[in-house]
């Protein structure tokens, strides 16, 4: 039964790949990239006649379509994700590119530096394509003006100065690094389907079936992609350790794992590669979705709105001056509540009153007889 299901999936995947191959031959975009607005790809899309006239060797647009891939992110930069995010435009305009004599396009870093310089002290709208499900979004990045007192390293390499266009950077560090990379490189992932060797390298390293995706390897050995590339690397590392970078779709995080490959050169799990095994869109938890909805419902404050109250003349209260304590003053205990109410009473002694009792009155005293 499992073999029938496996063959059915393989047949369905083959049909999908054939459909994609047909679309690639006709010059259509891969379905994974169609979320990007066409105007952001106009500078890289060209008709086959134009490509051939420029002398380019390959005409597959899905292999040449590129973006500024985020390869490193500072811990304080929370808007971008390394490996997955590609910058494909600024302010809804495509990334400035130039072409060399062979027809290959690369970014115009001088123009990109000018764009950031023009937005110093403001926010810049950056168009992002994510490899997690092939989604598109916009991020507004704050560009802070660089302090004139700060010193920075100046490259003495002529090629680096030429690529930057000789434009001086007037903004502070943005907290991320980028690299011009084809978008198709983000699809070189290997989906863990099941673990077939109990106690094998995959199970010992903690690989989770259906949830984990191998997205990278030590020394960049998986950078070129290929259905059998992972298998070839594992066999070549027999009796050695191999560091893999694994993405988990449930926790939405990447972790490095060290796998000790046995003498048989097997990883101990089945993997899937291709269109059906690309990284899916991140599913938000109900609590996260509710918090996001609450943030979207918030109306930004505006002093010009009718409901806003801004006092015309508001002055802060003067500071309270503390009196200096005299040195001869003795500390006193606070008065009790009874003493507080007895302060206004007459403190003169009260005349004694006769005490009334039930005893009979004493007999009257007799007066002595007078002479």
Protein backbone atom coordinates (compact mmCIF):
# COMPACT_ATOMS: atom_id res chain seq x y z
CA UNK A 1 0.00 0.00 0.00
CA UNK A 2 2.83 2.35 0.85
CA UNK A 3 4.54 1.55 -2.46
CA UNK A 4 1.36 2.39 -4.39
CA UNK A 5 1.00 5.72 -2.58
CA UNK A 6 4.67 6.51 -3.18
CA UNK A 7 4.36 5.77 -6.90
CA UNK A 8 1.21 7.90 -7.07
CA UNK A 9 3.00 10.84 -5.48
CA UNK A 10 5.96 10.37 -7.81
CA UNK A 11 3.65 10.33 -10.84
CA UNK A 12 1.86 13.46 -9.67
CA UNK A 13 5.15 15.23 -9.01
CA UNK A 14 6.45 14.24 -12.43
CA UNK A 15 3.35 15.71 -14.07
CA UNK A 16 3.82 18.93 -12.15
CA UNK A 17 7.47 19.11 -13.19
CA UNK A 18 6.51 18.50 -16.81
CA UNK A 19 3.99 21.33 -16.59
CA UNK A 20 6.61 23.61 -15.09
CA UNK A 21 9.09 22.63 -17.78
CA UNK A 22 6.53 23.51 -20.43
CA UNK A 23 5.91 26.89 -18.83
CA UNK A 24 9.64 27.52 -18.62
CA UNK A 25 10.08 26.77 -22.28
CA UNK A 26 7.34 29.26 -23.11
CA UNK A 27 9.05 31.93 -21.01
CA UNK A 28 6.48 31.99 -18.21
CA UNK A 29 7.39 32.56 -14.60
CA UNK A 30 7.52 29.76 -12.07
CA UNK A 31 4.38 29.70 -9.92
CA UNK A 32 6.60 30.25 -6.89
CA UNK A 33 7.61 33.71 -8.19
CA UNK A 34 4.27 34.96 -9.50
CA UNK A 35 3.44 36.80 -6.27
CA UNK A 36 6.02 39.45 -7.23
CA UNK A 37 4.42 42.42 -9.05
CA UNK A 38 5.43 42.39 -12.74
CA UNK A 39 6.75 45.95 -12.62
CA UNK A 40 9.46 44.88 -10.15
CA UNK A 41 10.75 42.30 -12.61
CA UNK A 42 10.58 44.40 -15.76
CA UNK A 43 14.27 45.29 -15.68
CA UNK A 44 15.27 41.60 -15.70
CA UNK A 45 12.62 40.18 -18.02
CA UNK A 46 13.51 40.27 -21.69
CA UNK A 47 12.22 38.57 -24.77
CA UNK A 48 14.24 35.62 -26.11
CA UNK A 49 15.19 37.64 -29.18
CA UNK A 50 16.72 40.36 -27.02
CA UNK A 51 18.60 37.83 -24.92
CA UNK A 52 20.02 36.04 -27.95
CA UNK A 53 21.02 39.33 -29.54
CA UNK A 54 22.98 40.25 -26.43
CA UNK A 55 24.88 36.96 -26.56
CA UNK A 56 23.52 35.37 -23.37
CA UNK A 57 23.96 31.61 -23.19
CA UNK A 58 20.79 30.75 -21.27
CA UNK A 59 17.23 31.83 -21.96
CA UNK A 60 15.44 30.32 -18.92
CA UNK A 61 14.10 33.34 -17.09
CA UNK A 62 13.43 31.38 -13.90
CA UNK A 63 17.13 30.58 -13.57
CA UNK A 64 18.35 34.12 -14.20
CA UNK A 65 15.73 36.02 -12.18
CA UNK A 66 17.63 37.40 -9.17
CA UNK A 67 17.25 39.59 -6.10
CA UNK A 68 19.24 40.98 -3.20
CA UNK A 69 19.24 38.02 -0.85
CA UNK A 70 19.56 38.76 2.87
CA UNK A 71 22.52 36.64 4.00
CA UNK A 72 23.08 38.12 7.48
CA UNK A 73 20.84 39.96 9.95
CA UNK A 74 21.78 41.74 13.16
CA UNK A 75 20.02 40.56 16.30
CA UNK A 76 18.32 43.97 16.61
CA UNK A 77 16.98 43.86 13.04
CA UNK A 78 13.58 42.14 13.33
CA UNK A 79 12.07 43.05 9.96
CA UNK A 80 14.14 40.78 7.72
CA UNK A 81 15.06 37.09 7.78
CA UNK A 82 18.33 35.78 6.47
CA UNK A 83 18.35 33.11 3.74
CA UNK A 84 14.62 33.42 3.04
CA UNK A 85 14.12 37.13 2.20
CA UNK A 86 14.99 38.72 -1.14
CA UNK A 87 14.84 42.46 -1.80
CA UNK A 88 13.24 42.89 -5.22
CA UNK A 89 12.47 46.61 -5.18
CA UNK A 90 12.53 49.98 -3.43
CA UNK A 91 9.43 52.18 -3.22
CA UNK A 92 7.63 49.89 -5.71
CA UNK A 93 10.43 50.36 -8.23
CA UNK A 94 12.68 47.49 -9.37
CA UNK A 95 16.21 47.10 -8.06
CA UNK A 96 18.52 49.22 -10.26
CA UNK A 97 20.56 46.88 -12.43
CA UNK A 98 23.13 47.22 -15.18
CA UNK A 99 24.28 44.66 -17.74
CA UNK A 100 27.79 43.69 -18.71
CA UNK A 101 29.05 42.91 -22.18
CA UNK A 102 27.87 39.30 -21.91
CA UNK A 103 24.27 40.24 -21.14
CA UNK A 104 24.34 39.35 -17.44
CA UNK A 105 22.66 41.75 -15.04
CA UNK A 106 23.99 42.83 -11.66
CA UNK A 107 22.89 45.54 -9.20
CA UNK A 108 23.84 49.17 -9.57
CA UNK A 109 25.13 49.59 -6.02
CA UNK A 110 25.92 53.25 -6.58
CA UNK A 111 22.28 53.99 -7.39
CA UNK A 112 21.12 51.88 -4.42
CA UNK A 113 23.39 53.90 -2.12
CA UNK A 114 21.87 57.11 -3.50
CA UNK A 115 18.36 55.81 -2.73
CA UNK A 116 19.26 55.24 0.91
CA UNK A 117 21.06 58.59 1.13
CA UNK A 118 17.93 60.35 -0.13
CA UNK A 119 15.88 58.77 2.66
CA UNK A 120 18.15 59.64 5.58
CA UNK A 121 16.04 60.56 8.58
CA UNK A 122 12.97 58.89 7.04
CA UNK A 123 11.66 55.42 6.28
CA UNK A 124 12.23 53.58 3.02
CA UNK A 125 9.69 51.16 1.58
CA UNK A 126 11.46 47.91 0.71
CA UNK A 127 9.71 45.27 -1.42
CA UNK A 128 10.44 41.77 -0.09
CA UNK A 129 9.87 38.35 -1.63
CA UNK A 130 10.06 35.46 0.85
CA UNK A 131 10.99 31.88 0.04
CA UNK A 132 8.53 30.71 2.71
CA UNK A 133 5.66 29.88 0.42
CA UNK A 134 6.74 32.38 -2.23
CA UNK A 135 4.95 35.29 -0.52
CA UNK A 136 5.40 39.02 -1.12
CA UNK A 137 5.32 41.81 1.45
CA UNK A 138 6.48 45.38 2.08
CA UNK A 139 8.73 46.51 4.93
CA UNK A 140 9.39 50.09 6.00
CA UNK A 141 13.00 50.40 7.14
CA UNK A 142 14.13 53.42 9.11
CA UNK A 143 17.25 55.06 7.65
CA UNK A 144 19.18 57.02 10.29
CA UNK A 145 21.65 59.74 9.37
CA UNK A 146 25.24 58.79 10.05
CA UNK A 147 27.06 60.66 12.80
CA UNK A 148 29.86 62.76 11.35
CA UNK A 149 32.11 61.88 14.29
CA UNK A 150 31.94 58.14 13.61
CA UNK A 151 34.86 56.66 11.73
CA UNK A 152 34.46 53.84 9.23
CA UNK A 153 36.73 51.63 7.18
CA UNK A 154 37.44 52.75 3.64
CA UNK A 155 38.16 50.01 1.13
CA UNK A 156 41.36 50.33 -0.86
CA UNK A 157 40.15 47.80 -3.40
CA UNK A 158 39.49 49.48 -6.73
CA UNK A 159 36.85 46.91 -7.73
CA UNK A 160 34.78 47.51 -4.57
CA UNK A 161 34.88 51.28 -5.07
CA UNK A 162 33.86 50.80 -8.69
CA UNK A 163 30.87 48.62 -7.72
CA UNK A 164 29.68 51.18 -5.18
CA UNK A 165 29.79 53.87 -7.84
CA UNK A 166 32.04 56.04 -5.71
CA UNK A 167 28.97 57.18 -3.72
CA UNK A 168 29.70 58.00 -0.08
CA UNK A 169 27.36 56.41 2.43
CA UNK A 170 25.55 59.02 4.53
CA UNK A 171 23.41 56.67 6.64
CA UNK A 172 24.11 54.41 9.59
CA UNK A 173 24.49 50.67 9.28
CA UNK A 174 21.15 49.03 8.43
CA UNK A 175 21.76 45.81 10.36
CA UNK A 176 21.79 43.36 7.44
CA UNK A 177 23.95 42.21 4.53
CA UNK A 178 22.81 41.30 1.03
CA UNK A 179 24.06 39.32 -1.96
CA UNK A 180 22.84 39.23 -5.55
CA UNK A 181 21.45 35.69 -5.86
CA UNK A 182 19.00 33.92 -8.21
CA UNK A 183 15.57 33.38 -6.67
CA UNK A 184 15.64 29.74 -7.73
CA UNK A 185 18.42 29.09 -5.18
CA UNK A 186 15.84 29.32 -2.38
CA UNK A 187 14.10 26.21 -3.76
CA UNK A 188 17.14 23.96 -3.24
CA UNK A 189 15.62 22.33 -0.16
CA UNK A 190 15.31 18.70 0.89
CA UNK A 191 12.16 17.68 2.76
CA UNK A 192 12.50 14.96 5.44
CA UNK A 193 9.74 12.44 4.65
CA UNK A 194 10.42 9.61 7.10
CA UNK A 195 13.20 7.94 9.10
CA UNK A 196 13.95 4.45 7.77
CA UNK A 197 16.92 3.40 9.97
CA UNK A 198 16.13 3.17 13.70
CA UNK A 199 19.00 4.66 15.64
CA UNK A 200 20.61 5.86 12.41
CA UNK A 201 22.31 9.22 11.80
CA UNK A 202 19.06 11.05 11.02
CA UNK A 203 17.24 9.81 14.11
CA UNK A 204 20.26 10.38 16.36
CA UNK A 205 20.58 13.96 15.10
CA UNK A 206 16.91 14.65 15.87
CA UNK A 207 15.49 15.10 12.36
CA UNK A 208 11.67 15.29 12.45
CA UNK A 209 9.73 13.73 9.55
CA UNK A 210 7.40 16.01 7.56
CA UNK A 211 8.41 19.07 9.63
CA UNK A 212 12.12 19.47 8.82
CA UNK A 213 13.73 20.78 5.65
CA UNK A 214 17.47 20.66 4.96
CA UNK A 215 18.28 24.08 3.53
CA UNK A 216 22.07 24.18 3.76
CA UNK A 217 25.27 22.34 4.49
CA UNK A 218 28.73 23.13 5.77
CA UNK A 219 31.06 24.92 3.34
CA UNK A 220 28.08 25.75 1.10
CA UNK A 221 28.06 22.29 -0.48
CA UNK A 222 24.31 22.45 -1.26
CA UNK A 223 24.41 25.89 -2.89
CA UNK A 224 24.08 24.59 -6.45
CA UNK A 225 21.08 22.34 -5.76
CA UNK A 226 20.14 19.10 -7.46
CA UNK A 227 18.02 16.07 -6.63
CA UNK A 228 21.00 13.77 -5.98
CA UNK A 229 23.41 16.36 -4.57
CA UNK A 230 22.60 15.65 -0.91
CA UNK A 231 23.01 11.92 -1.49
CA UNK A 232 26.42 12.43 -3.11
CA UNK A 233 27.63 14.64 -0.26
CA UNK A 234 26.51 12.17 2.41
CA UNK A 235 28.31 9.31 0.67
CA UNK A 236 31.50 11.32 0.40
CA UNK A 237 31.41 12.04 4.15
CA UNK A 238 31.30 8.39 5.29
CA UNK A 239 32.84 7.93 8.76
CA UNK A 240 32.90 11.72 9.20
CA UNK A 241 30.68 14.37 10.77
CA UNK A 242 28.51 16.55 8.56
CA UNK A 243 26.91 19.84 9.64
CA UNK A 244 23.46 20.47 8.18
CA UNK A 245 21.19 23.50 8.53
CA UNK A 246 17.59 22.45 9.11
CA UNK A 247 14.40 24.53 8.98
CA UNK A 248 11.34 23.43 10.96
CA UNK A 249 7.99 24.60 9.59
CA UNK A 250 6.16 24.20 12.92
CA UNK A 251 8.51 26.26 15.10
CA UNK A 252 9.54 28.49 12.13
CA UNK A 253 13.23 28.46 13.03
CA UNK A 254 16.55 27.21 11.66
CA UNK A 255 18.91 25.05 13.69
CA UNK A 256 22.31 23.52 12.90
CA UNK A 257 22.75 19.81 13.53
CA UNK A 258 25.82 17.59 13.37
CA UNK A 259 25.26 14.20 11.75
CA UNK A 260 27.80 11.41 12.07
CA UNK A 261 27.71 9.45 8.82
CA UNK A 262 28.38 5.74 9.22
CA UNK A 263 30.65 3.60 7.05
CA UNK A 264 27.75 2.77 4.71
CA UNK A 265 27.38 6.45 3.74
CA UNK A 266 23.66 6.65 4.49
CA UNK A 267 21.73 9.41 6.25
CA UNK A 268 18.96 7.11 7.43
CA UNK A 269 15.92 8.97 6.08
CA UNK A 270 13.95 9.51 2.89
CA UNK A 271 13.94 13.03 1.46
CA UNK A 272 11.82 14.80 -1.13
CA UNK A 273 13.08 17.36 -3.63
CA UNK A 274 11.21 19.47 -6.15
CA UNK A 275 8.09 21.56 -6.52
CA UNK A 276 6.03 19.64 -3.93
CA UNK A 277 8.76 19.86 -1.30
CA UNK A 278 9.44 23.57 -1.19
CA UNK A 279 9.12 25.43 2.10
CA UNK A 280 5.44 26.29 2.71
CA UNK A 281 3.92 29.49 4.00
CA UNK A 282 4.22 30.02 7.73
CA UNK A 283 0.92 29.38 9.49
CA UNK A 284 0.14 31.92 12.18
CA UNK A 285 -1.14 30.65 15.48
CA UNK A 286 -4.62 31.87 16.57
CA UNK A 287 -3.11 34.11 19.24
CA UNK A 288 -0.62 35.62 16.80
CA UNK A 289 -3.35 36.20 14.21
CA UNK A 290 -5.52 37.93 16.82
CA UNK A 291 -2.66 40.17 17.92
CA UNK A 292 -1.89 41.03 14.30
CA UNK A 293 -5.56 41.91 13.72
CA UNK A 294 -5.58 44.16 16.79
CA UNK A 295 -2.47 45.96 15.54
CA UNK A 296 -4.06 46.44 12.12
CA UNK A 297 -7.23 47.88 13.71
CA UNK A 298 -5.30 50.55 15.60
CA UNK A 299 -5.80 54.01 14.10
CA UNK A 300 -2.62 56.11 14.09
CA UNK A 301 -2.83 59.25 16.22
CA UNK A 302 -3.16 62.53 14.39
CA UNK A 303 -3.19 65.91 16.09
CA UNK A 304 -5.41 67.26 13.29
CA UNK A 305 -8.23 64.77 13.87
CA UNK A 306 -11.54 65.95 15.35
CA UNK A 307 -11.39 63.60 18.32
CA UNK A 308 -7.86 64.55 19.32
CA UNK A 309 -7.52 66.90 22.31
CA UNK A 310 -4.41 69.01 22.45
CA UNK A 311 -4.29 71.67 25.26
CA UNK A 312 -3.57 75.14 23.94
CA UNK A 313 -1.42 76.27 26.82
CA UNK A 314 0.08 73.58 28.93
CA UNK A 315 2.78 74.37 31.45
CA UNK A 316 4.40 72.00 33.84
CA UNK A 317 4.06 72.58 37.57
CA UNK A 318 7.06 74.16 39.32
CA UNK A 319 9.23 71.74 41.23
CA UNK A 320 8.54 71.34 44.93
CA UNK A 321 11.27 72.86 47.08
CA UNK A 322 12.17 70.67 50.00
CA UNK A 323 12.76 72.44 53.32
CA UNK A 324 15.97 71.84 55.14
CA UNK A 325 15.59 69.96 58.37
CA UNK A 326 16.92 71.63 61.48
CA UNK A 327 19.64 69.77 63.25
CA UNK A 328 18.16 70.33 66.78
CA UNK A 329 14.75 69.00 65.89
CA UNK A 330 13.93 65.74 67.61
CA UNK A 331 12.03 63.01 65.96
CA UNK A 332 8.52 62.62 67.33
CA UNK A 333 6.12 59.75 67.03
CA UNK A 334 2.84 60.43 65.24
CA UNK A 335 -0.14 61.11 67.49
CA UNK A 336 -2.58 58.35 68.10
CA UNK A 337 -6.18 58.78 66.97
CA UNK A 338 -7.49 59.30 70.54
CA UNK A 339 -4.88 61.92 71.27
CA UNK A 340 -5.79 63.73 68.07
CA UNK A 341 -9.44 64.16 69.16
CA UNK A 342 -8.47 65.11 72.74
CA UNK A 343 -6.25 68.01 71.70
CA UNK A 344 -9.02 70.68 72.09
CA UNK A 345 -10.42 69.53 75.41
CA UNK A 346 -10.01 71.34 78.74
CA UNK A 347 -7.13 69.82 80.57
CA UNK A 348 -8.01 71.42 84.03
CA UNK A 349 -8.59 68.94 86.92
CA UNK A 350 -12.20 67.86 87.43
CA UNK A 351 -13.79 68.17 90.92
CA UNK A 352 -14.42 64.89 92.64
CA UNK A 353 -18.06 63.81 92.83
CA UNK A 354 -19.65 61.72 95.62
CA UNK A 355 -19.89 58.11 94.92
CA UNK A 356 -23.42 56.73 95.04
CA UNK A 357 -23.82 53.34 96.76
CA UNK A 358 -26.70 51.17 98.13
CA UNK A 359 -25.43 51.32 101.75
CA UNK A 360 -27.58 53.23 104.30
CA UNK A 361 -26.58 56.76 105.14
CA UNK A 362 -24.50 57.23 108.30
CA UNK A 363 -26.32 58.60 111.41
CA UNK A 364 -26.11 62.34 111.98
CA UNK A 365 -23.45 63.54 114.29
CA UNK A 366 -24.62 64.74 117.69
CA UNK A 367 -23.79 68.26 118.75
CA UNK A 368 -22.30 68.66 122.23
CA UNK A 369 -24.63 70.35 124.78
CA UNK A 370 -24.09 74.03 125.20
CA UNK A 371 -23.40 75.49 128.64
